[in-house]
Amino acid sequence: MSEENIKKLDHFGKHKELAYRIQVALSELRPYLEADLGNITLVEITDDLVVKLQLHGSCADCSMINMTMKGGVESAIKNVAPEVTAIEAINL
């Protein structure tokens, strides 16, 4: 996982292991987002386990982003991190 859109695990403090699992899931989705000139970054995991993501490129203003977030991103994250309480895009 050496993409520039992946923050260093130390950034996530006590949530390092959770951040790693989420970043792996996002890395699997990334080629599909990049094919449409978009991308996604894990920005923050709050103490109450809310995952905050930032969308980039065409993903930030795509008319299908709500479907992508619900069906693709949320599903992928919940598969690897069922303890996550919510997933939010900070720039929608």
PDB file of N, CA and C in Angstrom:
ATOM      1  N   MET A   1       0.828  -1.183   0.000  1.00  0.00           N
ATOM      2  CA  MET A   1       0.000   0.000   0.000  1.00  0.00           C
ATOM      3  C   MET A   1       0.870   1.244   0.000  1.00  0.00           C
ATOM      4  N   SER A   2       1.380   1.620  -1.106  1.00  0.00           N
ATOM      5  CA  SER A   2       2.258   2.771  -1.144  1.00  0.00           C
ATOM      6  C   SER A   2       1.648   3.935  -1.913  1.00  0.00           C
ATOM      7  N   GLU A   3       0.347   3.889  -2.220  1.00  0.00           N
ATOM      8  CA  GLU A   3      -0.292   4.973  -2.945  1.00  0.00           C
ATOM      9  C   GLU A   3      -0.206   6.262  -2.142  1.00  0.00           C
ATOM     10  N   GLU A   4      -0.153   7.386  -2.842  1.00  0.00           N
ATOM     11  CA  GLU A   4      -0.038   8.668  -2.161  1.00  0.00           C
ATOM     12  C   GLU A   4      -1.303   9.036  -1.393  1.00  0.00           C
ATOM     13  N   ASN A   5      -2.431   8.404  -1.688  1.00  0.00           N
ATOM     14  CA  ASN A   5      -3.676   8.709  -0.997  1.00  0.00           C
ATOM     15  C   ASN A   5      -3.853   7.893   0.272  1.00  0.00           C
ATOM     16  N   ILE A   6      -2.804   7.251   0.744  1.00  0.00           N
ATOM     17  CA  ILE A   6      -2.872   6.479   1.979  1.00  0.00           C
ATOM     18  C   ILE A   6      -2.014   7.171   3.027  1.00  0.00           C
ATOM     19  N   LYS A   7      -2.645   7.544   4.128  1.00  0.00           N
ATOM     20  CA  LYS A   7      -1.916   8.188   5.218  1.00  0.00           C
ATOM     21  C   LYS A   7      -1.112   7.146   5.981  1.00  0.00           C
ATOM     22  N   LYS A   8      -0.055   7.574   6.593  1.00  0.00           N
ATOM     23  CA  LYS A   8       0.752   6.685   7.425  1.00  0.00           C
ATOM     24  C   LYS A   8      -0.090   6.203   8.595  1.00  0.00           C
ATOM     25  N   LEU A   9       0.104   4.960   8.977  1.00  0.00           N
ATOM     26  CA  LEU A   9      -0.702   4.371  10.044  1.00  0.00           C
ATOM     27  C   LEU A   9      -0.554   5.104  11.367  1.00  0.00           C
ATOM     28  N   ASP A  10       0.607   5.705  11.622  1.00  0.00           N
ATOM     29  CA  ASP A  10       0.820   6.441  12.876  1.00  0.00           C
ATOM     30  C   ASP A  10      -0.173   7.593  13.026  1.00  0.00           C
ATOM     31  N   HIS A  11      -0.663   8.102  11.907  1.00  0.00           N
ATOM     32  CA  HIS A  11      -1.641   9.191  11.917  1.00  0.00           C
ATOM     33  C   HIS A  11      -2.910   8.791  12.681  1.00  0.00           C
ATOM     34  N   PHE A  12      -3.209   7.500  12.745  1.00  0.00           N
ATOM     35  CA  PHE A  12      -4.462   7.022  13.321  1.00  0.00           C
ATOM     36  C   PHE A  12      -4.335   6.578  14.783  1.00  0.00           C
ATOM     37  N   GLY A  13      -3.176   6.791  15.387  1.00  0.00           N
ATOM     38  CA  GLY A  13      -2.982   6.521  16.804  1.00  0.00           C
ATOM     39  C   GLY A  13      -3.458   5.143  17.233  1.00  0.00           C
ATOM     40  N   LYS A  14      -4.365   5.111  18.201  1.00  0.00           N
ATOM     41  CA  LYS A  14      -4.838   3.834  18.738  1.00  0.00           C
ATOM     42  C   LYS A  14      -5.678   3.037  17.741  1.00  0.00           C
ATOM     43  N   HIS A  15      -6.024   3.648  16.632  1.00  0.00           N
ATOM     44  CA  HIS A  15      -6.827   2.962  15.611  1.00  0.00           C
ATOM     45  C   HIS A  15      -5.974   2.467  14.437  1.00  0.00           C
ATOM     46  N   LYS A  16      -4.667   2.304  14.664  1.00  0.00           N
ATOM     47  CA  LYS A  16      -3.756   1.886  13.590  1.00  0.00           C
ATOM     48  C   LYS A  16      -4.180   0.600  12.909  1.00  0.00           C
ATOM     49  N   GLU A  17      -4.492  -0.411  13.699  1.00  0.00           N
ATOM     50  CA  GLU A  17      -4.839  -1.719  13.137  1.00  0.00           C
ATOM     51  C   GLU A  17      -6.147  -1.627  12.351  1.00  0.00           C
ATOM     52  N   LEU A  18      -7.110  -0.900  12.859  1.00  0.00           N
ATOM     53  CA  LEU A  18      -8.376  -0.688  12.159  1.00  0.00           C
ATOM     54  C   LEU A  18      -8.136   0.088  10.864  1.00  0.00           C
ATOM     55  N   ALA A  19      -7.304   1.118  10.926  1.00  0.00           N
ATOM     56  CA  ALA A  19      -6.984   1.912   9.736  1.00  0.00           C
ATOM     57  C   ALA A  19      -6.323   1.036   8.674  1.00  0.00           C
ATOM     58  N   TYR A  20      -5.458   0.147   9.088  1.00  0.00           N
ATOM     59  CA  TYR A  20      -4.808  -0.746   8.133  1.00  0.00           C
ATOM     60  C   TYR A  20      -5.850  -1.593   7.400  1.00  0.00           C
ATOM     61  N   ARG A  21      -6.779  -2.193   8.154  1.00  0.00           N
ATOM     62  CA  ARG A  21      -7.806  -3.029   7.516  1.00  0.00           C
ATOM     63  C   ARG A  21      -8.668  -2.217   6.552  1.00  0.00           C
ATOM     64  N   ILE A  22      -9.015  -0.999   6.954  1.00  0.00           N
ATOM     65  CA  ILE A  22      -9.833  -0.150   6.090  1.00  0.00           C
ATOM     66  C   ILE A  22      -9.059   0.239   4.838  1.00  0.00           C
ATOM     67  N   GLN A  23      -7.778   0.571   5.000  1.00  0.00           N
ATOM     68  CA  GLN A  23      -6.965   0.960   3.847  1.00  0.00           C
ATOM     69  C   GLN A  23      -6.787  -0.201   2.869  1.00  0.00           C
ATOM     70  N   VAL A  24      -6.703  -1.406   3.374  1.00  0.00           N
ATOM     71  CA  VAL A  24      -6.623  -2.570   2.488  1.00  0.00           C
ATOM     72  C   VAL A  24      -7.910  -2.676   1.676  1.00  0.00           C
ATOM     73  N   ALA A  25      -9.050  -2.507   2.338  1.00  0.00           N
ATOM     74  CA  ALA A  25     -10.336  -2.567   1.635  1.00  0.00           C
ATOM     75  C   ALA A  25     -10.435  -1.462   0.588  1.00  0.00           C
ATOM     76  N   LEU A  26     -10.010  -0.257   0.931  1.00  0.00           N
ATOM     77  CA  LEU A  26     -10.053   0.854  -0.025  1.00  0.00           C
ATOM     78  C   LEU A  26      -9.097   0.617  -1.183  1.00  0.00           C
ATOM     79  N   SER A  27      -7.966  -0.014  -0.914  1.00  0.00           N
ATOM     80  CA  SER A  27      -7.006  -0.318  -1.986  1.00  0.00           C
ATOM     81  C   SER A  27      -7.599  -1.259  -3.023  1.00  0.00           C
ATOM     82  N   GLU A  28      -8.481  -2.142  -2.570  1.00  0.00           N
ATOM     83  CA  GLU A  28      -9.139  -3.054  -3.510  1.00  0.00           C
ATOM     84  C   GLU A  28     -10.174  -2.335  -4.366  1.00  0.00           C
ATOM     85  N   LEU A  29     -10.761  -1.274  -3.843  1.00  0.00           N
ATOM     86  CA  LEU A  29     -11.740  -0.485  -4.601  1.00  0.00           C
ATOM     87  C   LEU A  29     -11.084   0.554  -5.499  1.00  0.00           C
ATOM     88  N   ARG A  30      -9.906   0.987  -5.112  1.00  0.00           N
ATOM     89  CA  ARG A  30      -9.233   2.108  -5.773  1.00  0.00           C
ATOM     90  C   ARG A  30      -9.120   1.959  -7.298  1.00  0.00           C
ATOM     91  N   PRO A  31      -8.782   0.788  -7.844  1.00  0.00           N
ATOM     92  CA  PRO A  31      -8.680   0.696  -9.312  1.00  0.00           C
ATOM     93  C   PRO A  31      -9.994   1.040 -10.035  1.00  0.00           C
ATOM     94  N   TYR A  32     -11.115   0.708  -9.439  1.00  0.00           N
ATOM     95  CA  TYR A  32     -12.407   1.019 -10.040  1.00  0.00           C
ATOM     96  C   TYR A  32     -12.680   2.517  -9.990  1.00  0.00           C
ATOM     97  N   LEU A  33     -12.318   3.142  -8.882  1.00  0.00           N
ATOM     98  CA  LEU A  33     -12.500   4.585  -8.759  1.00  0.00           C
ATOM     99  C   LEU A  33     -11.557   5.323  -9.706  1.00  0.00           C
ATOM    100  N   GLU A  34     -10.317   4.858  -9.785  1.00  0.00           N
ATOM    101  CA  GLU A  34      -9.334   5.490 -10.662  1.00  0.00           C
ATOM    102  C   GLU A  34      -9.718   5.360 -12.135  1.00  0.00           C
ATOM    103  N   ALA A  35     -10.382   4.273 -12.479  1.00  0.00           N
ATOM    104  CA  ALA A  35     -10.825   4.081 -13.868  1.00  0.00           C
ATOM    105  C   ALA A  35     -11.810   5.170 -14.280  1.00  0.00           C
ATOM    106  N   ASP A  36     -12.512   5.735 -13.292  1.00  0.00           N
ATOM    107  CA  ASP A  36     -13.438   6.836 -13.556  1.00  0.00           C
ATOM    108  C   ASP A  36     -12.852   8.179 -13.137  1.00  0.00           C
ATOM    109  N   LEU A  37     -11.528   8.231 -13.031  1.00  0.00           N
ATOM    110  CA  LEU A  37     -10.778   9.444 -12.684  1.00  0.00           C
ATOM    111  C   LEU A  37     -11.093   9.965 -11.281  1.00  0.00           C
ATOM    112  N   GLY A  38     -11.332   9.046 -10.361  1.00  0.00           N
ATOM    113  CA  GLY A  38     -11.588   9.415  -8.979  1.00  0.00           C
ATOM    114  C   GLY A  38     -10.662   8.687  -8.038  1.00  0.00           C
ATOM    115  N   ASN A  39     -10.839   8.936  -6.745  1.00  0.00           N
ATOM    116  CA  ASN A  39     -10.054   8.259  -5.721  1.00  0.00           C
ATOM    117  C   ASN A  39     -10.694   8.527  -4.364  1.00  0.00           C
ATOM    118  N   ILE A  40     -10.170   7.889  -3.337  1.00  0.00           N
ATOM    119  CA  ILE A  40     -10.716   8.010  -1.991  1.00  0.00           C
ATOM    120  C   ILE A  40      -9.584   7.889  -0.979  1.00  0.00           C
ATOM    121  N   THR A  41      -9.674   8.663   0.108  1.00  0.00           N
ATOM    122  CA  THR A  41      -8.657   8.649   1.149  1.00  0.00           C
ATOM    123  C   THR A  41      -9.319   8.495   2.511  1.00  0.00           C
ATOM    124  N   LEU A  42      -8.760   7.639   3.339  1.00  0.00           N
ATOM    125  CA  LEU A  42      -9.161   7.537   4.736  1.00  0.00           C
ATOM    126  C   LEU A  42      -8.522   8.719   5.461  1.00  0.00           C
ATOM    127  N   VAL A  43      -9.351   9.577   6.050  1.00  0.00           N
ATOM    128  CA  VAL A  43      -8.862  10.792   6.692  1.00  0.00           C
ATOM    129  C   VAL A  43      -8.783  10.639   8.206  1.00  0.00           C
ATOM    130  N   GLU A  44      -9.815  10.036   8.792  1.00  0.00           N
ATOM    131  CA  GLU A  44      -9.899  10.000  10.253  1.00  0.00           C
ATOM    132  C   GLU A  44     -10.766   8.830  10.705  1.00  0.00           C
ATOM    133  N   ILE A  45     -10.445   8.325  11.881  1.00  0.00           N
ATOM    134  CA  ILE A  45     -11.313   7.394  12.593  1.00  0.00           C
ATOM    135  C   ILE A  45     -11.521   8.007  13.966  1.00  0.00           C
ATOM    136  N   THR A  46     -12.766   8.355  14.279  1.00  0.00           N
ATOM    137  CA  THR A  46     -13.056   9.015  15.548  1.00  0.00           C
ATOM    138  C   THR A  46     -13.066   7.995  16.685  1.00  0.00           C
ATOM    139  N   ASP A  47     -13.100   8.488  17.909  1.00  0.00           N
ATOM    140  CA  ASP A  47     -13.128   7.611  19.074  1.00  0.00           C
ATOM    141  C   ASP A  47     -14.384   6.749  19.122  1.00  0.00           C
ATOM    142  N   ASP A  48     -15.472   7.242  18.523  1.00  0.00           N
ATOM    143  CA  ASP A  48     -16.690   6.430  18.486  1.00  0.00           C
ATOM    144  C   ASP A  48     -16.787   5.618  17.188  1.00  0.00           C
ATOM    145  N   LEU A  49     -15.617   5.423  16.539  1.00  0.00           N
ATOM    146  CA  LEU A  49     -15.448   4.549  15.367  1.00  0.00           C
ATOM    147  C   LEU A  49     -16.242   4.979  14.146  1.00  0.00           C
ATOM    148  N   VAL A  50     -16.327   6.283  13.947  1.00  0.00           N
ATOM    149  CA  VAL A  50     -16.861   6.836  12.708  1.00  0.00           C
ATOM    150  C   VAL A  50     -15.675   7.012  11.751  1.00  0.00           C
ATOM    151  N   VAL A  51     -15.805   6.451  10.570  1.00  0.00           N
ATOM    152  CA  VAL A  51     -14.759   6.539   9.554  1.00  0.00           C
ATOM    153  C   VAL A  51     -15.061   7.737   8.663  1.00  0.00           C
ATOM    154  N   LYS A  52     -14.078   8.620   8.509  1.00  0.00           N
ATOM    155  CA  LYS A  52     -14.247   9.797   7.664  1.00  0.00           C
ATOM    156  C   LYS A  52     -13.342   9.654   6.443  1.00  0.00           C
ATOM    157  N   LEU A  53     -13.961   9.791   5.282  1.00  0.00           N
ATOM    158  CA  LEU A  53     -13.275   9.609   4.011  1.00  0.00           C
ATOM    159  C   LEU A  53     -13.326  10.891   3.202  1.00  0.00           C
ATOM    160  N   GLN A  54     -12.336  11.076   2.347  1.00  0.00           N
ATOM    161  CA  GLN A  54     -12.359  12.196   1.408  1.00  0.00           C
ATOM    162  C   GLN A  54     -12.363  11.620   0.003  1.00  0.00           C
ATOM    163  N   LEU A  55     -13.253  12.157  -0.820  1.00  0.00           N
ATOM    164  CA  LEU A  55     -13.349  11.743  -2.215  1.00  0.00           C
ATOM    165  C   LEU A  55     -12.558  12.713  -3.069  1.00  0.00           C
ATOM    166  N   HIS A  56     -11.945  12.197  -4.124  1.00  0.00           N
ATOM    167  CA  HIS A  56     -11.099  13.017  -4.985  1.00  0.00           C
ATOM    168  C   HIS A  56     -11.540  12.883  -6.433  1.00  0.00           C
ATOM    169  N   GLY A  57     -11.161  13.874  -7.222  1.00  0.00           N
ATOM    170  CA  GLY A  57     -11.402  13.823  -8.661  1.00  0.00           C
ATOM    171  C   GLY A  57     -12.882  13.733  -8.982  1.00  0.00           C
ATOM    172  N   SER A  58     -13.207  12.931  -9.962  1.00  0.00           N
ATOM    173  CA  SER A  58     -14.594  12.838 -10.404  1.00  0.00           C
ATOM    174  C   SER A  58     -15.508  12.217  -9.359  1.00  0.00           C
ATOM    175  N   CYS A  59     -14.955  11.524  -8.366  1.00  0.00           N
ATOM    176  CA  CYS A  59     -15.792  10.951  -7.296  1.00  0.00           C
ATOM    177  C   CYS A  59     -16.437  12.033  -6.450  1.00  0.00           C
ATOM    178  N   ALA A  60     -15.781  13.177  -6.315  1.00  0.00           N
ATOM    179  CA  ALA A  60     -16.270  14.232  -5.435  1.00  0.00           C
ATOM    180  C   ALA A  60     -17.569  14.852  -5.939  1.00  0.00           C
ATOM    181  N   ASP A  61     -17.812  14.831  -7.240  1.00  0.00           N
ATOM    182  CA  ASP A  61     -19.042  15.429  -7.751  1.00  0.00           C
ATOM    183  C   ASP A  61     -19.789  14.503  -8.711  1.00  0.00           C
ATOM    184  N   CYS A  62     -19.644  13.214  -8.502  1.00  0.00           N
ATOM    185  CA  CYS A  62     -20.316  12.214  -9.333  1.00  0.00           C
ATOM    186  C   CYS A  62     -21.772  12.051  -8.876  1.00  0.00           C
ATOM    187  N   SER A  63     -22.672  11.959  -9.819  1.00  0.00           N
ATOM    188  CA  SER A  63     -24.087  11.782  -9.476  1.00  0.00           C
ATOM    189  C   SER A  63     -24.369  10.402  -8.884  1.00  0.00           C
ATOM    190  N   MET A  64     -23.468   9.456  -9.059  1.00  0.00           N
ATOM    191  CA  MET A  64     -23.658   8.097  -8.554  1.00  0.00           C
ATOM    192  C   MET A  64     -22.926   7.848  -7.233  1.00  0.00           C
ATOM    193  N   ILE A  65     -22.346   8.891  -6.638  1.00  0.00           N
ATOM    194  CA  ILE A  65     -21.497   8.673  -5.475  1.00  0.00           C
ATOM    195  C   ILE A  65     -22.257   8.101  -4.284  1.00  0.00           C
ATOM    196  N   ASN A  66     -23.517   8.482  -4.101  1.00  0.00           N
ATOM    197  CA  ASN A  66     -24.257   7.917  -2.969  1.00  0.00           C
ATOM    198  C   ASN A  66     -24.412   6.407  -3.118  1.00  0.00           C
ATOM    199  N   MET A  67     -24.657   5.948  -4.333  1.00  0.00           N
ATOM    200  CA  MET A  67     -24.760   4.514  -4.574  1.00  0.00           C
ATOM    201  C   MET A  67     -23.399   3.843  -4.398  1.00  0.00           C
ATOM    202  N   THR A  68     -22.356   4.484  -4.861  1.00  0.00           N
ATOM    203  CA  THR A  68     -21.002   3.942  -4.702  1.00  0.00           C
ATOM    204  C   THR A  68     -20.631   3.860  -3.231  1.00  0.00           C
ATOM    205  N   MET A  69     -20.936   4.905  -2.480  1.00  0.00           N
ATOM    206  CA  MET A  69     -20.620   4.916  -1.047  1.00  0.00           C
ATOM    207  C   MET A  69     -21.380   3.806  -0.326  1.00  0.00           C
ATOM    208  N   LYS A  70     -22.675   3.690  -0.573  1.00  0.00           N
ATOM    209  CA  LYS A  70     -23.504   2.718   0.141  1.00  0.00           C
ATOM    210  C   LYS A  70     -23.178   1.294  -0.305  1.00  0.00           C
ATOM    211  N   GLY A  71     -23.186   1.055  -1.603  1.00  0.00           N
ATOM    212  CA  GLY A  71     -23.031  -0.304  -2.103  1.00  0.00           C
ATOM    213  C   GLY A  71     -21.602  -0.797  -2.161  1.00  0.00           C
ATOM    214  N   GLY A  72     -20.666   0.080  -2.428  1.00  0.00           N
ATOM    215  CA  GLY A  72     -19.283  -0.349  -2.587  1.00  0.00           C
ATOM    216  C   GLY A  72     -18.409  -0.068  -1.386  1.00  0.00           C
ATOM    217  N   VAL A  73     -18.281   1.195  -1.054  1.00  0.00           N
ATOM    218  CA  VAL A  73     -17.348   1.612  -0.009  1.00  0.00           C
ATOM    219  C   VAL A  73     -17.796   1.112   1.369  1.00  0.00           C
ATOM    220  N   GLU A  74     -19.042   1.395   1.739  1.00  0.00           N
ATOM    221  CA  GLU A  74     -19.522   0.951   3.058  1.00  0.00           C
ATOM    222  C   GLU A  74     -19.461  -0.562   3.193  1.00  0.00           C
ATOM    223  N   SER A  75     -19.865  -1.252   2.154  1.00  0.00           N
ATOM    224  CA  SER A  75     -19.851  -2.714   2.183  1.00  0.00           C
ATOM    225  C   SER A  75     -18.438  -3.247   2.372  1.00  0.00           C
ATOM    226  N   ALA A  76     -17.486  -2.699   1.619  1.00  0.00           N
ATOM    227  CA  ALA A  76     -16.094  -3.156   1.715  1.00  0.00           C
ATOM    228  C   ALA A  76     -15.524  -2.893   3.105  1.00  0.00           C
ATOM    229  N   ILE A  77     -15.816  -1.721   3.665  1.00  0.00           N
ATOM    230  CA  ILE A  77     -15.296  -1.383   4.991  1.00  0.00           C
ATOM    231  C   ILE A  77     -15.949  -2.251   6.058  1.00  0.00           C
ATOM    232  N   LYS A  78     -17.254  -2.409   5.997  1.00  0.00           N
ATOM    233  CA  LYS A  78     -17.961  -3.217   7.006  1.00  0.00           C
ATOM    234  C   LYS A  78     -17.519  -4.686   6.959  1.00  0.00           C
ATOM    235  N   ASN A  79     -17.122  -5.159   5.780  1.00  0.00           N
ATOM    236  CA  ASN A  79     -16.624  -6.544   5.677  1.00  0.00           C
ATOM    237  C   ASN A  79     -15.340  -6.743   6.467  1.00  0.00           C
ATOM    238  N   VAL A  80     -14.474  -5.751   6.466  1.00  0.00           N
ATOM    239  CA  VAL A  80     -13.188  -5.894   7.158  1.00  0.00           C
ATOM    240  C   VAL A  80     -13.194  -5.268   8.544  1.00  0.00           C
ATOM    241  N   ALA A  81     -14.189  -4.406   8.818  1.00  0.00           N
ATOM    242  CA  ALA A  81     -14.232  -3.690  10.093  1.00  0.00           C
ATOM    243  C   ALA A  81     -15.684  -3.538  10.563  1.00  0.00           C
ATOM    244  N   PRO A  82     -16.287  -4.638  10.982  1.00  0.00           N
ATOM    245  CA  PRO A  82     -17.694  -4.572  11.396  1.00  0.00           C
ATOM    246  C   PRO A  82     -17.941  -3.689  12.621  1.00  0.00           C
ATOM    247  N   GLU A  83     -16.900  -3.365  13.359  1.00  0.00           N
ATOM    248  CA  GLU A  83     -17.049  -2.519  14.536  1.00  0.00           C
ATOM    249  C   GLU A  83     -17.260  -1.039  14.208  1.00  0.00           C
ATOM    250  N   VAL A  84     -17.035  -0.651  12.952  1.00  0.00           N
ATOM    251  CA  VAL A  84     -17.225   0.730  12.526  1.00  0.00           C
ATOM    252  C   VAL A  84     -18.701   1.101  12.690  1.00  0.00           C
ATOM    253  N   THR A  85     -18.968   2.260  13.296  1.00  0.00           N
ATOM    254  CA  THR A  85     -20.340   2.666  13.570  1.00  0.00           C
ATOM    255  C   THR A  85     -20.970   3.483  12.443  1.00  0.00           C
ATOM    256  N   ALA A  86     -20.145   4.202  11.681  1.00  0.00           N
ATOM    257  CA  ALA A  86     -20.664   5.018  10.569  1.00  0.00           C
ATOM    258  C   ALA A  86     -19.523   5.322   9.609  1.00  0.00           C
ATOM    259  N   ILE A  87     -19.890   5.623   8.379  1.00  0.00           N
ATOM    260  CA  ILE A  87     -18.917   5.987   7.354  1.00  0.00           C
ATOM    261  C   ILE A  87     -19.416   7.267   6.702  1.00  0.00           C
ATOM    262  N   GLU A  88     -18.575   8.295   6.700  1.00  0.00           N
ATOM    263  CA  GLU A  88     -18.961   9.607   6.192  1.00  0.00           C
ATOM    264  C   GLU A  88     -17.931  10.109   5.179  1.00  0.00           C
ATOM    265  N   ALA A  89     -18.434  10.709   4.113  1.00  0.00           N
ATOM    266  CA  ALA A  89     -17.558  11.417   3.185  1.00  0.00           C
ATOM    267  C   ALA A  89     -17.541  12.876   3.641  1.00  0.00           C
ATOM    268  N   ILE A  90     -16.365  13.402   3.936  1.00  0.00           N
ATOM    269  CA  ILE A  90     -16.277  14.749   4.520  1.00  0.00           C
ATOM    270  C   ILE A  90     -16.487  15.850   3.490  1.00  0.00           C
ATOM    271  N   ASN A  91     -16.448  15.524   2.219  1.00  0.00           N
ATOM    272  CA  ASN A  91     -16.576  16.567   1.201  1.00  0.00           C
ATOM    273  C   ASN A  91     -17.786  16.383   0.298  1.00  0.00           C
ATOM    274  N   LEU A  92     -18.841  15.810   0.835  1.00  0.00           N
ATOM    275  CA  LEU A  92     -20.094  15.716   0.060  1.00  0.00           C
ATOM    276  C   LEU A  92     -21.099  16.696   0.601  1.00  0.00           C
TER     277      LEU A  92
END
